[in-house]
Amino acid sequence: MYEYKAIVLEVIDGDTLTLDVDAGFYLHYHVRVRLARINAPETVEFSARGVSDPAKEFVLSRCGPGTVVVARISKADKFGRWLAEILYLPGSQSVDEIRTRGKNLSDDLLAAGLAKLY
């Protein structure tokens, strides 16, 4: 498993994100990652404000575009996305602080009932 500082570029759905991964030596890669260990099925909710996906909304509220995260990337899945554990800490830009005090996005989705173990 490899650990990188990354910035969230896009939240695709409840378990897939696009990251700008800092590989060191001024090398950056745009990588699509799938959250490890979970499946957050796309569910559609209709309300007065429109159509929404609760898992995606949950991820956006915690790790929206521009958020600094720590990505622990292990291997590629069958669709070419990299499997990753994402650690985040609202308001923090420090990798050391996120690494030690950060929350695991997969665990938070499971705890909220928006994902299942995969």
PDB file of N, CA and C in Angstrom:
ATOM      1  N   MET A   1       0.844  -1.170   0.000  1.00  0.00           N
ATOM      2  CA  MET A   1       0.000   0.000   0.000  1.00  0.00           C
ATOM      3  C   MET A   1       0.893   1.238   0.000  1.00  0.00           C
ATOM      4  N   TYR A   2       0.506   2.227  -0.776  1.00  0.00           N
ATOM      5  CA  TYR A   2       1.253   3.472  -0.875  1.00  0.00           C
ATOM      6  C   TYR A   2       0.390   4.609  -0.352  1.00  0.00           C
ATOM      7  N   GLU A   3       1.024   5.579   0.266  1.00  0.00           N
ATOM      8  CA  GLU A   3       0.307   6.693   0.872  1.00  0.00           C
ATOM      9  C   GLU A   3       0.737   7.996   0.204  1.00  0.00           C
ATOM     10  N   TYR A   4      -0.244   8.814  -0.189  1.00  0.00           N
ATOM     11  CA  TYR A   4       0.023  10.058  -0.898  1.00  0.00           C
ATOM     12  C   TYR A   4      -0.834  11.191  -0.360  1.00  0.00           C
ATOM     13  N   LYS A   5      -0.298  12.387  -0.453  1.00  0.00           N
ATOM     14  CA  LYS A   5      -1.114  13.579  -0.270  1.00  0.00           C
ATOM     15  C   LYS A   5      -1.887  13.759  -1.574  1.00  0.00           C
ATOM     16  N   ALA A   6      -3.156  14.117  -1.468  1.00  0.00           N
ATOM     17  CA  ALA A   6      -3.970  14.301  -2.663  1.00  0.00           C
ATOM     18  C   ALA A   6      -4.986  15.409  -2.427  1.00  0.00           C
ATOM     19  N   ILE A   7      -5.491  15.941  -3.515  1.00  0.00           N
ATOM     20  CA  ILE A   7      -6.553  16.944  -3.472  1.00  0.00           C
ATOM     21  C   ILE A   7      -7.729  16.388  -4.258  1.00  0.00           C
ATOM     22  N   VAL A   8      -8.905  16.454  -3.664  1.00  0.00           N
ATOM     23  CA  VAL A   8     -10.110  15.975  -4.340  1.00  0.00           C
ATOM     24  C   VAL A   8     -10.432  16.927  -5.490  1.00  0.00           C
ATOM     25  N   LEU A   9     -10.549  16.363  -6.693  1.00  0.00           N
ATOM     26  CA  LEU A   9     -10.926  17.152  -7.865  1.00  0.00           C
ATOM     27  C   LEU A   9     -12.422  17.038  -8.163  1.00  0.00           C
ATOM     28  N   GLU A  10     -12.962  15.807  -7.968  1.00  0.00           N
ATOM     29  CA  GLU A  10     -14.361  15.578  -8.309  1.00  0.00           C
ATOM     30  C   GLU A  10     -14.887  14.391  -7.503  1.00  0.00           C
ATOM     31  N   VAL A  11     -16.134  14.487  -7.102  1.00  0.00           N
ATOM     32  CA  VAL A  11     -16.825  13.364  -6.471  1.00  0.00           C
ATOM     33  C   VAL A  11     -17.767  12.804  -7.526  1.00  0.00           C
ATOM     34  N   ILE A  12     -17.487  11.594  -7.983  1.00  0.00           N
ATOM     35  CA  ILE A  12     -18.284  10.977  -9.050  1.00  0.00           C
ATOM     36  C   ILE A  12     -19.587  10.430  -8.471  1.00  0.00           C
ATOM     37  N   ASP A  13     -19.459   9.650  -7.396  1.00  0.00           N
ATOM     38  CA  ASP A  13     -20.623   9.120  -6.685  1.00  0.00           C
ATOM     39  C   ASP A  13     -20.180   8.827  -5.254  1.00  0.00           C
ATOM     40  N   GLY A  14     -20.946   8.045  -4.520  1.00  0.00           N
ATOM     41  CA  GLY A  14     -20.645   7.820  -3.117  1.00  0.00           C
ATOM     42  C   GLY A  14     -19.379   7.048  -2.829  1.00  0.00           C
ATOM     43  N   ASP A  15     -18.853   6.340  -3.817  1.00  0.00           N
ATOM     44  CA  ASP A  15     -17.638   5.565  -3.571  1.00  0.00           C
ATOM     45  C   ASP A  15     -16.555   5.746  -4.631  1.00  0.00           C
ATOM     46  N   THR A  16     -16.665   6.763  -5.455  1.00  0.00           N
ATOM     47  CA  THR A  16     -15.678   7.014  -6.504  1.00  0.00           C
ATOM     48  C   THR A  16     -15.337   8.505  -6.556  1.00  0.00           C
ATOM     49  N   LEU A  17     -14.026   8.803  -6.523  1.00  0.00           N
ATOM     50  CA  LEU A  17     -13.549  10.187  -6.570  1.00  0.00           C
ATOM     51  C   LEU A  17     -12.424  10.303  -7.585  1.00  0.00           C
ATOM     52  N   THR A  18     -12.218  11.517  -8.068  1.00  0.00           N
ATOM     53  CA  THR A  18     -11.040  11.820  -8.870  1.00  0.00           C
ATOM     54  C   THR A  18     -10.134  12.687  -8.010  1.00  0.00           C
ATOM     55  N   LEU A  19      -8.867  12.279  -7.921  1.00  0.00           N
ATOM     56  CA  LEU A  19      -7.888  12.964  -7.081  1.00  0.00           C
ATOM     57  C   LEU A  19      -6.728  13.490  -7.900  1.00  0.00           C
ATOM     58  N   ASP A  20      -6.140  14.581  -7.435  1.00  0.00           N
ATOM     59  CA  ASP A  20      -4.847  15.054  -7.914  1.00  0.00           C
ATOM     60  C   ASP A  20      -3.840  14.523  -6.895  1.00  0.00           C
ATOM     61  N   VAL A  21      -3.139  13.453  -7.259  1.00  0.00           N
ATOM     62  CA  VAL A  21      -2.223  12.776  -6.338  1.00  0.00           C
ATOM     63  C   VAL A  21      -0.823  13.359  -6.499  1.00  0.00           C
ATOM     64  N   ASP A  22      -0.252  13.784  -5.373  1.00  0.00           N
ATOM     65  CA  ASP A  22       1.117  14.301  -5.339  1.00  0.00           C
ATOM     66  C   ASP A  22       2.057  13.121  -5.122  1.00  0.00           C
ATOM     67  N   ALA A  23       2.753  12.713  -6.181  1.00  0.00           N
ATOM     68  CA  ALA A  23       3.653  11.558  -6.121  1.00  0.00           C
ATOM     69  C   ALA A  23       5.052  11.951  -5.666  1.00  0.00           C
ATOM     70  N   GLY A  24       5.265  13.210  -5.377  1.00  0.00           N
ATOM     71  CA  GLY A  24       6.588  13.684  -4.983  1.00  0.00           C
ATOM     72  C   GLY A  24       7.386  14.148  -6.188  1.00  0.00           C
ATOM     73  N   PHE A  25       8.477  14.828  -5.948  1.00  0.00           N
ATOM     74  CA  PHE A  25       9.352  15.324  -7.011  1.00  0.00           C
ATOM     75  C   PHE A  25       8.581  16.163  -8.030  1.00  0.00           C
ATOM     76  N   TYR A  26       7.561  16.912  -7.563  1.00  0.00           N
ATOM     77  CA  TYR A  26       6.734  17.789  -8.402  1.00  0.00           C
ATOM     78  C   TYR A  26       5.936  17.024  -9.453  1.00  0.00           C
ATOM     79  N   LEU A  27       5.685  15.740  -9.209  1.00  0.00           N
ATOM     80  CA  LEU A  27       4.883  14.926 -10.119  1.00  0.00           C
ATOM     81  C   LEU A  27       3.474  14.785  -9.554  1.00  0.00           C
ATOM     82  N   HIS A  28       2.491  15.122 -10.378  1.00  0.00           N
ATOM     83  CA  HIS A  28       1.089  15.014  -9.982  1.00  0.00           C
ATOM     84  C   HIS A  28       0.350  14.184 -11.019  1.00  0.00           C
ATOM     85  N   TYR A  29      -0.563  13.355 -10.540  1.00  0.00           N
ATOM     86  CA  TYR A  29      -1.365  12.503 -11.415  1.00  0.00           C
ATOM     87  C   TYR A  29      -2.834  12.682 -11.068  1.00  0.00           C
ATOM     88  N   HIS A  30      -3.659  12.760 -12.088  1.00  0.00           N
ATOM     89  CA  HIS A  30      -5.098  12.756 -11.876  1.00  0.00           C
ATOM     90  C   HIS A  30      -5.525  11.298 -11.939  1.00  0.00           C
ATOM     91  N   VAL A  31      -6.091  10.818 -10.834  1.00  0.00           N
ATOM     92  CA  VAL A  31      -6.386   9.400 -10.678  1.00  0.00           C
ATOM     93  C   VAL A  31      -7.820   9.237 -10.197  1.00  0.00           C
ATOM     94  N   ARG A  32      -8.535   8.295 -10.799  1.00  0.00           N
ATOM     95  CA  ARG A  32      -9.868   7.957 -10.321  1.00  0.00           C
ATOM     96  C   ARG A  32      -9.718   6.816  -9.323  1.00  0.00           C
ATOM     97  N   VAL A  33     -10.259   7.010  -8.114  1.00  0.00           N
ATOM     98  CA  VAL A  33     -10.153   5.997  -7.071  1.00  0.00           C
ATOM     99  C   VAL A  33     -11.534   5.525  -6.639  1.00  0.00           C
ATOM    100  N   ARG A  34     -11.568   4.286  -6.236  1.00  0.00           N
ATOM    101  CA  ARG A  34     -12.766   3.673  -5.657  1.00  0.00           C
ATOM    102  C   ARG A  34     -12.470   3.464  -4.184  1.00  0.00           C
ATOM    103  N   LEU A  35     -13.386   3.840  -3.310  1.00  0.00           N
ATOM    104  CA  LEU A  35     -13.166   3.659  -1.881  1.00  0.00           C
ATOM    105  C   LEU A  35     -13.068   2.167  -1.560  1.00  0.00           C
ATOM    106  N   ALA A  36     -12.022   1.795  -0.852  1.00  0.00           N
ATOM    107  CA  ALA A  36     -11.759   0.400  -0.521  1.00  0.00           C
ATOM    108  C   ALA A  36     -12.790  -0.126   0.469  1.00  0.00           C
ATOM    109  N   ARG A  37     -13.097  -1.397   0.350  1.00  0.00           N
ATOM    110  CA  ARG A  37     -13.902  -2.173   1.283  1.00  0.00           C
ATOM    111  C   ARG A  37     -15.397  -1.925   1.229  1.00  0.00           C
ATOM    112  N   ILE A  38     -15.856  -0.924   0.481  1.00  0.00           N
ATOM    113  CA  ILE A  38     -17.284  -0.599   0.534  1.00  0.00           C
ATOM    114  C   ILE A  38     -17.917  -0.518  -0.845  1.00  0.00           C
ATOM    115  N   ASN A  39     -19.237  -0.577  -0.854  1.00  0.00           N
ATOM    116  CA  ASN A  39     -20.029  -0.271  -2.028  1.00  0.00           C
ATOM    117  C   ASN A  39     -21.135   0.667  -1.568  1.00  0.00           C
ATOM    118  N   ALA A  40     -21.202   1.812  -2.196  1.00  0.00           N
ATOM    119  CA  ALA A  40     -22.255   2.790  -1.913  1.00  0.00           C
ATOM    120  C   ALA A  40     -23.150   2.857  -3.146  1.00  0.00           C
ATOM    121  N   PRO A  41     -24.189   2.029  -3.176  1.00  0.00           N
ATOM    122  CA  PRO A  41     -25.032   1.994  -4.369  1.00  0.00           C
ATOM    123  C   PRO A  41     -25.689   3.343  -4.634  1.00  0.00           C
ATOM    124  N   GLU A  42     -25.788   3.665  -5.913  1.00  0.00           N
ATOM    125  CA  GLU A  42     -26.433   4.922  -6.283  1.00  0.00           C
ATOM    126  C   GLU A  42     -27.918   4.797  -5.985  1.00  0.00           C
ATOM    127  N   THR A  43     -28.393   5.650  -5.124  1.00  0.00           N
ATOM    128  CA  THR A  43     -29.820   5.705  -4.825  1.00  0.00           C
ATOM    129  C   THR A  43     -30.297   7.106  -5.146  1.00  0.00           C
ATOM    130  N   VAL A  44     -31.448   7.170  -5.718  1.00  0.00           N
ATOM    131  CA  VAL A  44     -31.992   8.468  -6.118  1.00  0.00           C
ATOM    132  C   VAL A  44     -33.114   8.834  -5.168  1.00  0.00           C
ATOM    133  N   GLU A  45     -33.031  10.045  -4.633  1.00  0.00           N
ATOM    134  CA  GLU A  45     -34.103  10.577  -3.806  1.00  0.00           C
ATOM    135  C   GLU A  45     -34.692  11.787  -4.512  1.00  0.00           C
ATOM    136  N   PHE A  46     -36.000  11.826  -4.562  1.00  0.00           N
ATOM    137  CA  PHE A  46     -36.704  12.951  -5.160  1.00  0.00           C
ATOM    138  C   PHE A  46     -37.249  13.831  -4.046  1.00  0.00           C
ATOM    139  N   SER A  47     -36.997  15.121  -4.161  1.00  0.00           N
ATOM    140  CA  SER A  47     -37.506  16.056  -3.164  1.00  0.00           C
ATOM    141  C   SER A  47     -37.845  17.371  -3.855  1.00  0.00           C
ATOM    142  N   ALA A  48     -38.290  18.318  -3.068  1.00  0.00           N
ATOM    143  CA  ALA A  48     -38.652  19.625  -3.613  1.00  0.00           C
ATOM    144  C   ALA A  48     -37.454  20.325  -4.242  1.00  0.00           C
ATOM    145  N   ARG A  49     -36.237  20.013  -3.748  1.00  0.00           N
ATOM    146  CA  ARG A  49     -35.058  20.675  -4.321  1.00  0.00           C
ATOM    147  C   ARG A  49     -34.443  19.902  -5.478  1.00  0.00           C
ATOM    148  N   GLY A  50     -35.063  18.778  -5.863  1.00  0.00           N
ATOM    149  CA  GLY A  50     -34.585  18.031  -7.025  1.00  0.00           C
ATOM    150  C   GLY A  50     -34.177  16.616  -6.681  1.00  0.00           C
ATOM    151  N   VAL A  51     -33.388  16.052  -7.570  1.00  0.00           N
ATOM    152  CA  VAL A  51     -32.924  14.678  -7.429  1.00  0.00           C
ATOM    153  C   VAL A  51     -31.567  14.686  -6.734  1.00  0.00           C
ATOM    154  N   SER A  52     -31.364  13.749  -5.788  1.00  0.00           N
ATOM    155  CA  SER A  52     -30.077  13.695  -5.108  1.00  0.00           C
ATOM    156  C   SER A  52     -29.690  12.253  -4.825  1.00  0.00           C
ATOM    157  N   ASP A  53     -28.409  12.054  -4.580  1.00  0.00           N
ATOM    158  CA  ASP A  53     -27.854  10.765  -4.177  1.00  0.00           C
ATOM    159  C   ASP A  53     -27.269  10.980  -2.782  1.00  0.00           C
ATOM    160  N   PRO A  54     -27.881  10.414  -1.743  1.00  0.00           N
ATOM    161  CA  PRO A  54     -27.447  10.685  -0.365  1.00  0.00           C
ATOM    162  C   PRO A  54     -25.975  10.351  -0.106  1.00  0.00           C
ATOM    163  N   ALA A  55     -25.460   9.265  -0.654  1.00  0.00           N
ATOM    164  CA  ALA A  55     -24.051   8.903  -0.427  1.00  0.00           C
ATOM    165  C   ALA A  55     -23.125   9.944  -1.062  1.00  0.00           C
ATOM    166  N   LYS A  56     -23.451  10.370  -2.262  1.00  0.00           N
ATOM    167  CA  LYS A  56     -22.634  11.388  -2.931  1.00  0.00           C
ATOM    168  C   LYS A  56     -22.692  12.707  -2.153  1.00  0.00           C
ATOM    169  N   GLU A  57     -23.880  13.082  -1.694  1.00  0.00           N
ATOM    170  CA  GLU A  57     -24.025  14.309  -0.908  1.00  0.00           C
ATOM    171  C   GLU A  57     -23.206  14.239   0.375  1.00  0.00           C
ATOM    172  N   PHE A  58     -23.171  13.064   1.004  1.00  0.00           N
ATOM    173  CA  PHE A  58     -22.396  12.845   2.220  1.00  0.00           C
ATOM    174  C   PHE A  58     -20.910  13.075   1.939  1.00  0.00           C
ATOM    175  N   VAL A  59     -20.418  12.471   0.863  1.00  0.00           N
ATOM    176  CA  VAL A  59     -19.001  12.626   0.511  1.00  0.00           C
ATOM    177  C   VAL A  59     -18.696  14.087   0.171  1.00  0.00           C
ATOM    178  N   LEU A  60     -19.560  14.729  -0.593  1.00  0.00           N
ATOM    179  CA  LEU A  60     -19.346  16.139  -0.939  1.00  0.00           C
ATOM    180  C   LEU A  60     -19.289  17.025   0.305  1.00  0.00           C
ATOM    181  N   SER A  61     -20.085  16.708   1.314  1.00  0.00           N
ATOM    182  CA  SER A  61     -20.108  17.533   2.518  1.00  0.00           C
ATOM    183  C   SER A  61     -18.832  17.382   3.349  1.00  0.00           C
ATOM    184  N   ARG A  62     -18.111  16.298   3.156  1.00  0.00           N
ATOM    185  CA  ARG A  62     -16.891  16.055   3.925  1.00  0.00           C
ATOM    186  C   ARG A  62     -15.618  16.217   3.105  1.00  0.00           C
ATOM    187  N   CYS A  63     -15.668  15.825   1.856  1.00  0.00           N
ATOM    188  CA  CYS A  63     -14.466  15.824   0.999  1.00  0.00           C
ATOM    189  C   CYS A  63     -14.798  16.389  -0.373  1.00  0.00           C
ATOM    190  N   GLY A  64     -15.346  17.571  -0.416  1.00  0.00           N
ATOM    191  CA  GLY A  64     -15.678  18.178  -1.694  1.00  0.00           C
ATOM    192  C   GLY A  64     -14.434  18.594  -2.456  1.00  0.00           C
ATOM    193  N   PRO A  65     -14.607  19.029  -3.699  1.00  0.00           N
ATOM    194  CA  PRO A  65     -13.464  19.469  -4.495  1.00  0.00           C
ATOM    195  C   PRO A  65     -12.629  20.516  -3.756  1.00  0.00           C
ATOM    196  N   GLY A  66     -11.312  20.328  -3.809  1.00  0.00           N
ATOM    197  CA  GLY A  66     -10.374  21.221  -3.150  1.00  0.00           C
ATOM    198  C   GLY A  66      -9.915  20.728  -1.793  1.00  0.00           C
ATOM    199  N   THR A  67     -10.532  19.675  -1.265  1.00  0.00           N
ATOM    200  CA  THR A  67     -10.160  19.144   0.042  1.00  0.00           C
ATOM    201  C   THR A  67      -8.840  18.382  -0.042  1.00  0.00           C
ATOM    202  N   VAL A  68      -7.943  18.652   0.901  1.00  0.00           N
ATOM    203  CA  VAL A  68      -6.693  17.905   1.007  1.00  0.00           C
ATOM    204  C   VAL A  68      -6.981  16.626   1.787  1.00  0.00           C
ATOM    205  N   VAL A  69      -6.542  15.493   1.233  1.00  0.00           N
ATOM    206  CA  VAL A  69      -6.751  14.196   1.871  1.00  0.00           C
ATOM    207  C   VAL A  69      -5.451  13.401   1.826  1.00  0.00           C
ATOM    208  N   VAL A  70      -5.428  12.318   2.588  1.00  0.00           N
ATOM    209  CA  VAL A  70      -4.362  11.331   2.491  1.00  0.00           C
ATOM    210  C   VAL A  70      -4.982  10.108   1.842  1.00  0.00           C
ATOM    211  N   ALA A  71      -4.400   9.669   0.726  1.00  0.00           N
ATOM    212  CA  ALA A  71      -4.908   8.506  -0.009  1.00  0.00           C
ATOM    213  C   ALA A  71      -3.951   7.341   0.190  1.00  0.00           C
ATOM    214  N   ARG A  72      -4.473   6.273   0.749  1.00  0.00           N
ATOM    215  CA  ARG A  72      -3.701   5.032   0.895  1.00  0.00           C
ATOM    216  C   ARG A  72      -4.169   4.105  -0.220  1.00  0.00           C
ATOM    217  N   ILE A  73      -3.373   4.052  -1.271  1.00  0.00           N
ATOM    218  CA  ILE A  73      -3.761   3.363  -2.503  1.00  0.00           C
ATOM    219  C   ILE A  73      -3.119   1.979  -2.544  1.00  0.00           C
ATOM    220  N   SER A  74      -3.944   0.961  -2.849  1.00  0.00           N
ATOM    221  CA  SER A  74      -3.430  -0.394  -2.830  1.00  0.00           C
ATOM    222  C   SER A  74      -3.285  -1.015  -4.217  1.00  0.00           C
ATOM    223  N   LYS A  75      -4.371  -1.178  -4.958  1.00  0.00           N
ATOM    224  CA  LYS A  75      -4.303  -1.850  -6.255  1.00  0.00           C
ATOM    225  C   LYS A  75      -5.451  -1.363  -7.125  1.00  0.00           C
ATOM    226  N   ALA A  76      -5.438  -1.757  -8.390  1.00  0.00           N
ATOM    227  CA  ALA A  76      -6.505  -1.374  -9.314  1.00  0.00           C
ATOM    228  C   ALA A  76      -7.631  -2.400  -9.250  1.00  0.00           C
ATOM    229  N   ASP A  77      -8.873  -1.913  -9.443  1.00  0.00           N
ATOM    230  CA  ASP A  77      -9.999  -2.839  -9.526  1.00  0.00           C
ATOM    231  C   ASP A  77     -10.191  -3.261 -10.974  1.00  0.00           C
ATOM    232  N   LYS A  78     -11.215  -4.067 -11.237  1.00  0.00           N
ATOM    233  CA  LYS A  78     -11.421  -4.597 -12.590  1.00  0.00           C
ATOM    234  C   LYS A  78     -11.819  -3.525 -13.604  1.00  0.00           C
ATOM    235  N   PHE A  79     -12.175  -2.321 -13.130  1.00  0.00           N
ATOM    236  CA  PHE A  79     -12.543  -1.235 -14.035  1.00  0.00           C
ATOM    237  C   PHE A  79     -11.423  -0.207 -14.196  1.00  0.00           C
ATOM    238  N   GLY A  80     -10.249  -0.491 -13.632  1.00  0.00           N
ATOM    239  CA  GLY A  80      -9.102   0.405 -13.778  1.00  0.00           C
ATOM    240  C   GLY A  80      -9.024   1.510 -12.747  1.00  0.00           C
ATOM    241  N   ARG A  81      -9.960   1.544 -11.806  1.00  0.00           N
ATOM    242  CA  ARG A  81      -9.884   2.536 -10.733  1.00  0.00           C
ATOM    243  C   ARG A  81      -8.980   1.988  -9.643  1.00  0.00           C
ATOM    244  N   TRP A  82      -8.253   2.852  -8.980  1.00  0.00           N
ATOM    245  CA  TRP A  82      -7.385   2.439  -7.891  1.00  0.00           C
ATOM    246  C   TRP A  82      -8.194   2.350  -6.618  1.00  0.00           C
ATOM    247  N   LEU A  83      -7.994   1.288  -5.846  1.00  0.00           N
ATOM    248  CA  LEU A  83      -8.668   1.135  -4.557  1.00  0.00           C
ATOM    249  C   LEU A  83      -7.918   1.953  -3.528  1.00  0.00           C
ATOM    250  N   ALA A  84      -8.644   2.725  -2.734  1.00  0.00           N
ATOM    251  CA  ALA A  84      -7.992   3.638  -1.794  1.00  0.00           C
ATOM    252  C   ALA A  84      -8.784   3.793  -0.508  1.00  0.00           C
ATOM    253  N   GLU A  85      -8.049   3.903   0.572  1.00  0.00           N
ATOM    254  CA  GLU A  85      -8.594   4.356   1.841  1.00  0.00           C
ATOM    255  C   GLU A  85      -8.327   5.860   1.866  1.00  0.00           C
ATOM    256  N   ILE A  86      -9.345   6.650   2.084  1.00  0.00           N
ATOM    257  CA  ILE A  86      -9.213   8.105   2.088  1.00  0.00           C
ATOM    258  C   ILE A  86      -9.356   8.615   3.517  1.00  0.00           C
ATOM    259  N   LEU A  87      -8.334   9.315   3.988  1.00  0.00           N
ATOM    260  CA  LEU A  87      -8.372   9.963   5.290  1.00  0.00           C
ATOM    261  C   LEU A  87      -8.569  11.455   5.073  1.00  0.00           C
ATOM    262  N   TYR A  88      -9.441  12.056   5.857  1.00  0.00           N
ATOM    263  CA  TYR A  88      -9.709  13.491   5.730  1.00  0.00           C
ATOM    264  C   TYR A  88      -9.872  14.090   7.119  1.00  0.00           C
ATOM    265  N   LEU A  89      -9.647  15.376   7.207  1.00  0.00           N
ATOM    266  CA  LEU A  89      -9.844  16.107   8.455  1.00  0.00           C
ATOM    267  C   LEU A  89     -10.305  17.505   8.062  1.00  0.00           C
ATOM    268  N   PRO A  90     -11.589  17.800   8.279  1.00  0.00           N
ATOM    269  CA  PRO A  90     -12.117  19.094   7.845  1.00  0.00           C
ATOM    270  C   PRO A  90     -11.264  20.264   8.327  1.00  0.00           C
ATOM    271  N   GLY A  91     -10.925  21.132   7.389  1.00  0.00           N
ATOM    272  CA  GLY A  91     -10.167  22.335   7.709  1.00  0.00           C
ATOM    273  C   GLY A  91      -8.661  22.164   7.735  1.00  0.00           C
ATOM    274  N   SER A  92      -8.161  20.945   7.649  1.00  0.00           N
ATOM    275  CA  SER A  92      -6.716  20.728   7.742  1.00  0.00           C
ATOM    276  C   SER A  92      -6.084  20.576   6.368  1.00  0.00           C
ATOM    277  N   GLN A  93      -4.902  21.156   6.214  1.00  0.00           N
ATOM    278  CA  GLN A  93      -4.104  21.007   5.003  1.00  0.00           C
ATOM    279  C   GLN A  93      -2.831  20.220   5.286  1.00  0.00           C
ATOM    280  N   SER A  94      -2.648  19.822   6.541  1.00  0.00           N
ATOM    281  CA  SER A  94      -1.428  19.149   6.976  1.00  0.00           C
ATOM    282  C   SER A  94      -1.559  17.633   6.836  1.00  0.00           C
ATOM    283  N   VAL A  95      -0.686  17.042   6.036  1.00  0.00           N
ATOM    284  CA  VAL A  95      -0.704  15.600   5.840  1.00  0.00           C
ATOM    285  C   VAL A  95      -0.451  14.874   7.164  1.00  0.00           C
ATOM    286  N   ASP A  96       0.484  15.369   7.955  1.00  0.00           N
ATOM    287  CA  ASP A  96       0.778  14.729   9.240  1.00  0.00           C
ATOM    288  C   ASP A  96      -0.437  14.749  10.156  1.00  0.00           C
ATOM    289  N   GLU A  97      -1.130  15.869  10.206  1.00  0.00           N
ATOM    290  CA  GLU A  97      -2.316  15.979  11.047  1.00  0.00           C
ATOM    291  C   GLU A  97      -3.447  15.078  10.537  1.00  0.00           C
ATOM    292  N   ILE A  98      -3.642  15.056   9.217  1.00  0.00           N
ATOM    293  CA  ILE A  98      -4.674  14.201   8.628  1.00  0.00           C
ATOM    294  C   ILE A  98      -4.338  12.735   8.890  1.00  0.00           C
ATOM    295  N   ARG A  99      -3.075  12.383   8.758  1.00  0.00           N
ATOM    296  CA  ARG A  99      -2.641  10.995   8.974  1.00  0.00           C
ATOM    297  C   ARG A  99      -2.915  10.541  10.408  1.00  0.00           C
ATOM    298  N   THR A 100      -2.687  11.413  11.384  1.00  0.00           N
ATOM    299  CA  THR A 100      -2.828  11.020  12.788  1.00  0.00           C
ATOM    300  C   THR A 100      -4.229  11.240  13.353  1.00  0.00           C
ATOM    301  N   ARG A 101      -4.924  12.293  12.912  1.00  0.00           N
ATOM    302  CA  ARG A 101      -6.222  12.626  13.494  1.00  0.00           C
ATOM    303  C   ARG A 101      -7.382  12.502  12.520  1.00  0.00           C
ATOM    304  N   GLY A 102      -7.067  12.155  11.264  1.00  0.00           N
ATOM    305  CA  GLY A 102      -8.095  12.137  10.231  1.00  0.00           C
ATOM    306  C   GLY A 102      -9.118  11.035  10.378  1.00  0.00           C
ATOM    307  N   LYS A 103     -10.221  11.210   9.689  1.00  0.00           N
ATOM    308  CA  LYS A 103     -11.307  10.237   9.663  1.00  0.00           C
ATOM    309  C   LYS A 103     -11.225   9.444   8.371  1.00  0.00           C
ATOM    310  N   ASN A 104     -11.660   8.185   8.431  1.00  0.00           N
ATOM    311  CA  ASN A 104     -11.662   7.321   7.258  1.00  0.00           C
ATOM    312  C   ASN A 104     -13.021   7.452   6.571  1.00  0.00           C
ATOM    313  N   LEU A 105     -13.012   7.854   5.314  1.00  0.00           N
ATOM    314  CA  LEU A 105     -14.252   8.111   4.579  1.00  0.00           C
ATOM    315  C   LEU A 105     -15.084   6.842   4.418  1.00  0.00           C
ATOM    316  N   SER A 106     -14.452   5.703   4.147  1.00  0.00           N
ATOM    317  CA  SER A 106     -15.193   4.437   4.022  1.00  0.00           C
ATOM    318  C   SER A 106     -15.910   4.100   5.325  1.00  0.00           C
ATOM    319  N   ASP A 107     -15.206   4.227   6.449  1.00  0.00           N
ATOM    320  CA  ASP A 107     -15.811   3.930   7.754  1.00  0.00           C
ATOM    321  C   ASP A 107     -16.980   4.861   8.047  1.00  0.00           C
ATOM    322  N   ASP A 108     -16.847   6.131   7.686  1.00  0.00           N
ATOM    323  CA  ASP A 108     -17.922   7.101   7.937  1.00  0.00           C
ATOM    324  C   ASP A 108     -19.166   6.788   7.103  1.00  0.00           C
ATOM    325  N   LEU A 109     -18.976   6.370   5.850  1.00  0.00           N
ATOM    326  CA  LEU A 109     -20.111   5.997   5.006  1.00  0.00           C
ATOM    327  C   LEU A 109     -20.816   4.761   5.563  1.00  0.00           C
ATOM    328  N   LEU A 110     -20.041   3.794   6.045  1.00  0.00           N
ATOM    329  CA  LEU A 110     -20.627   2.603   6.666  1.00  0.00           C
ATOM    330  C   LEU A 110     -21.430   2.984   7.911  1.00  0.00           C
ATOM    331  N   ALA A 111     -20.846   3.815   8.772  1.00  0.00           N
ATOM    332  CA  ALA A 111     -21.496   4.220  10.019  1.00  0.00           C
ATOM    333  C   ALA A 111     -22.793   4.982   9.753  1.00  0.00           C
ATOM    334  N   ALA A 112     -22.833   5.737   8.657  1.00  0.00           N
ATOM    335  CA  ALA A 112     -24.028   6.515   8.310  1.00  0.00           C
ATOM    336  C   ALA A 112     -25.079   5.656   7.616  1.00  0.00           C
ATOM    337  N   GLY A 113     -24.759   4.395   7.342  1.00  0.00           N
ATOM    338  CA  GLY A 113     -25.721   3.517   6.674  1.00  0.00           C
ATOM    339  C   GLY A 113     -25.869   3.773   5.183  1.00  0.00           C
ATOM    340  N   LEU A 114     -24.877   4.466   4.586  1.00  0.00           N
ATOM    341  CA  LEU A 114     -24.932   4.811   3.171  1.00  0.00           C
ATOM    342  C   LEU A 114     -24.106   3.881   2.295  1.00  0.00           C
ATOM    343  N   ALA A 115     -23.433   2.913   2.912  1.00  0.00           N
ATOM    344  CA  ALA A 115     -22.603   1.954   2.175  1.00  0.00           C
ATOM    345  C   ALA A 115     -22.662   0.617   2.889  1.00  0.00           C
ATOM    346  N   LYS A 116     -22.263  -0.406   2.134  1.00  0.00           N
ATOM    347  CA  LYS A 116     -22.171  -1.764   2.688  1.00  0.00           C
ATOM    348  C   LYS A 116     -20.767  -2.288   2.434  1.00  0.00           C
ATOM    349  N   LEU A 117     -20.346  -3.222   3.294  1.00  0.00           N
ATOM    350  CA  LEU A 117     -19.036  -3.854   3.071  1.00  0.00           C
ATOM    351  C   LEU A 117     -19.046  -4.571   1.725  1.00  0.00           C
ATOM    352  N   TYR A 118     -17.905  -4.500   1.048  1.00  0.00           N
ATOM    353  CA  TYR A 118     -17.796  -5.108  -0.281  1.00  0.00           C
ATOM    354  C   TYR A 118     -16.753  -6.180  -0.246  1.00  0.00           C
TER     355      TYR A 118
END
